[in-house]
Protein backbone atom coordinates (compact mmCIF):
# COMPACT_ATOMS: atom_id res chain seq x y z
CA UNK A 1 -51.44 18.55 5.06
CA UNK A 2 -51.44 14.99 6.16
CA UNK A 3 -49.03 12.20 5.38
CA UNK A 4 -46.89 12.14 1.98
CA UNK A 5 -47.97 9.52 -0.69
CA UNK A 6 -45.63 6.33 -0.13
CA UNK A 7 -43.07 6.95 -2.94
CA UNK A 8 -39.91 5.26 -2.35
CA UNK A 9 -37.10 7.23 -3.94
CA UNK A 10 -35.03 5.79 -6.87
CA UNK A 11 -32.34 4.70 -4.56
CA UNK A 12 -34.94 3.04 -2.12
CA UNK A 13 -36.39 1.26 -5.13
CA UNK A 14 -33.03 0.06 -6.32
CA UNK A 15 -32.12 -1.07 -2.67
CA UNK A 16 -35.49 -3.01 -2.22
CA UNK A 17 -35.47 -5.93 -4.74
CA UNK A 18 -38.53 -7.37 -3.16
CA UNK A 19 -40.69 -4.37 -3.77
CA UNK A 20 -39.55 -4.30 -7.42
CA UNK A 21 -40.22 -8.14 -7.86
CA UNK A 22 -43.56 -8.31 -6.25
CA UNK A 23 -45.03 -5.12 -7.97
CA UNK A 24 -43.94 -6.18 -11.36
CA UNK A 25 -41.37 -3.42 -11.76
CA UNK A 26 -40.91 0.08 -10.60
CA UNK A 27 -44.33 0.83 -8.50
CA UNK A 28 -43.56 4.33 -8.29
CA UNK A 29 -41.87 6.00 -11.03
CA UNK A 30 -43.71 9.49 -10.79
CA UNK A 31 -42.90 12.53 -9.05
CA UNK A 32 -44.24 13.40 -5.26
CA UNK A 33 -46.36 16.15 -6.97
CA UNK A 34 -47.86 13.48 -9.44
CA UNK A 35 -48.56 10.88 -6.61
CA UNK A 36 -50.14 13.70 -4.64
CA UNK A 37 -52.37 14.46 -7.51
CA UNK A 38 -53.07 10.76 -8.07
CA UNK A 39 -54.19 10.22 -4.45
CA UNK A 40 -56.12 13.41 -4.34
CA UNK A 41 -58.25 12.30 -7.20
CA UNK A 42 -58.92 8.80 -5.62
CA UNK A 43 -62.09 10.16 -3.74
CA UNK A 44 -63.75 10.99 -6.71
CA UNK A 45 -63.58 7.35 -7.96
CA UNK A 46 -66.89 5.67 -7.03
CA UNK A 47 -65.37 2.15 -7.43
CA UNK A 48 -62.57 2.33 -5.25
CA UNK A 49 -61.14 3.16 -1.86
CA UNK A 50 -57.46 3.92 -1.27
CA UNK A 51 -56.48 4.21 2.26
CA UNK A 52 -52.70 4.92 3.53
CA UNK A 53 -51.11 2.41 6.01
CA UNK A 54 -49.20 4.67 8.39
CA UNK A 55 -47.02 3.54 11.51
CA UNK A 56 -48.86 4.54 14.49
CA UNK A 57 -45.95 5.76 16.55
CA UNK A 58 -44.09 7.83 14.22
CA UNK A 59 -46.99 8.62 11.71
CA UNK A 60 -44.68 7.66 8.76
CA UNK A 61 -46.51 6.32 5.76
CA UNK A 62 -45.35 2.98 4.98
CA UNK A 63 -47.81 1.64 2.32
CA UNK A 64 -51.31 1.57 1.03
CA UNK A 65 -54.38 -0.85 0.99
CA UNK A 66 -56.91 -0.49 -1.90
CA UNK A 67 -60.37 -1.93 -2.48
CA UNK A 68 -61.18 -1.46 -6.40
CA UNK A 69 -63.24 -2.75 -9.15
CA UNK A 70 -66.56 -2.57 -7.08
CA UNK A 71 -69.33 -4.64 -8.52
CA UNK A 72 -72.31 -3.37 -6.76
CA UNK A 73 -74.81 -5.58 -8.07
CA UNK A 74 -72.61 -8.75 -6.83
CA UNK A 75 -71.35 -6.95 -3.70
CA UNK A 76 -67.77 -7.88 -4.62
CA UNK A 77 -64.43 -6.06 -5.16
CA UNK A 78 -60.89 -6.60 -5.79
CA UNK A 79 -57.93 -5.97 -3.07
CA UNK A 80 -54.34 -5.07 -3.16
CA UNK A 81 -51.93 -4.10 -0.94
CA UNK A 82 -48.28 -2.24 -1.06
CA UNK A 83 -46.05 -2.16 2.09
CA UNK A 84 -42.66 -0.65 1.91
CA UNK A 85 -39.63 -1.79 3.38
CA UNK A 86 -40.05 0.27 6.65
CA UNK A 87 -43.25 -1.30 7.28
CA UNK A 88 -42.52 -4.72 6.94
CA UNK A 89 -41.87 -7.38 9.80
CA UNK A 90 -43.80 -5.43 12.50
CA UNK A 91 -47.44 -6.74 11.71
CA UNK A 92 -48.70 -3.51 9.95
CA UNK A 93 -49.41 -5.26 7.09
CA UNK A 94 -51.62 -7.82 8.77
CA UNK A 95 -53.33 -5.12 10.70
CA UNK A 96 -54.18 -3.25 7.48
CA UNK A 97 -55.31 -6.05 5.67
CA UNK A 98 -57.73 -7.14 8.56
CA UNK A 99 -58.98 -3.54 8.78
CA UNK A 100 -59.60 -2.92 5.30
CA UNK A 101 -61.31 -6.31 4.95
CA UNK A 102 -63.25 -5.53 7.92
CA UNK A 103 -64.33 -2.14 6.63
CA UNK A 104 -65.36 -3.71 3.38
CA UNK A 105 -67.43 -6.43 4.56
CA UNK A 106 -69.09 -4.68 7.71
CA UNK A 107 -69.24 -0.92 6.80
CA UNK A 108 -69.64 -1.61 2.91
CA UNK A 109 -71.61 -4.64 2.99
CA UNK A 110 -69.44 -6.57 0.55
CA UNK A 111 -69.80 -10.23 0.09
CA UNK A 112 -66.65 -11.06 -1.51
CA UNK A 113 -63.42 -9.62 -1.60
CA UNK A 114 -60.73 -11.03 -4.14
CA UNK A 115 -57.03 -10.85 -4.81
CA UNK A 116 -54.25 -12.23 -6.78
CA UNK A 117 -50.62 -12.44 -5.83
CA UNK A 118 -47.52 -14.00 -7.17
CA UNK A 119 -47.04 -17.54 -6.01
CA UNK A 120 -43.64 -16.77 -4.79
CA UNK A 121 -44.63 -13.91 -2.38
CA UNK A 122 -44.73 -16.09 0.46
CA UNK A 123 -45.00 -13.07 2.97
CA UNK A 124 -48.18 -11.79 1.27
CA UNK A 125 -49.70 -15.06 0.97
CA UNK A 126 -49.22 -15.74 4.50
CA UNK A 127 -50.64 -12.32 5.57
CA UNK A 128 -53.71 -12.92 3.37
CA UNK A 129 -54.33 -16.32 4.97
CA UNK A 130 -54.11 -14.98 8.26
CA UNK A 131 -56.66 -12.27 7.46
CA UNK A 132 -59.16 -14.93 6.06
CA UNK A 133 -58.34 -15.19 2.42
CA UNK A 134 -58.85 -18.71 1.07
CA UNK A 135 -56.91 -19.91 -1.89
CA UNK A 136 -59.13 -20.61 -4.94
CA UNK A 137 -56.72 -21.43 -7.61
CA UNK A 138 -53.65 -20.77 -9.47
CA UNK A 139 -53.06 -18.80 -12.85
CA UNK A 140 -49.89 -20.65 -14.20
CA UNK A 141 -47.27 -18.76 -15.85
CA UNK A 142 -49.00 -15.52 -16.30
CA UNK A 143 -45.85 -13.57 -16.41
CA UNK A 144 -42.22 -13.96 -17.96
CA UNK A 145 -39.82 -11.96 -16.02
CA UNK A 146 -36.10 -12.15 -15.98
CA UNK A 147 -36.35 -15.56 -17.78
CA UNK A 148 -38.59 -16.86 -15.06
CA UNK A 149 -42.19 -17.81 -15.51
CA UNK A 150 -44.47 -16.70 -12.68
CA UNK A 151 -47.69 -18.18 -11.17
CA UNK A 152 -50.44 -16.03 -9.88
CA UNK A 153 -52.51 -17.38 -6.85
CA UNK A 154 -56.02 -16.33 -6.53
CA UNK A 155 -57.64 -15.92 -3.18
CA UNK A 156 -61.06 -14.45 -1.68
CA UNK A 157 -62.69 -14.05 1.47
CA UNK A 158 -66.43 -14.31 1.87
CA UNK A 159 -68.70 -12.50 4.23
CA UNK A 160 -69.88 -15.57 5.98
CA UNK A 161 -66.27 -16.72 6.41
CA UNK A 162 -64.95 -13.39 7.71
CA UNK A 163 -67.43 -12.88 10.56
CA UNK A 164 -66.69 -16.12 12.37
CA UNK A 165 -62.95 -15.75 11.75
CA UNK A 166 -62.56 -12.20 13.41
């Protein structure tokens, strides 16, 4: 049957303010059945690749990495990731980002992989930098949340930057 989709329950979501803050709210308000259906339908989507991030030792599903919004004529796409609390601080996110970027560039022939992350998400920005993403700019005050304006950092990695870096 395979690993279950990462869906922190209501208690886990309330206990993880970092997950809530950096995903723009409650990232998984759906039932496990809804998520299973959602992930089951992803292989039919030609413009995206959704992959689970699992702990190699326990097999536990701790997050996901996604390449989406493929633009074939320009060989580019957008990237996002979510690592839950049980997957943080152990290098799993860094490894997952490097693996998906490598797959996108080497196996899929992408020229550019881009992302946007909140400027205050220092952990994610650090991981993206280690994986070869370069900061390209900032979209200032893109969201008002809890009375705080938040900036969004734009980053990308190009194929010619990736190959020498790996």
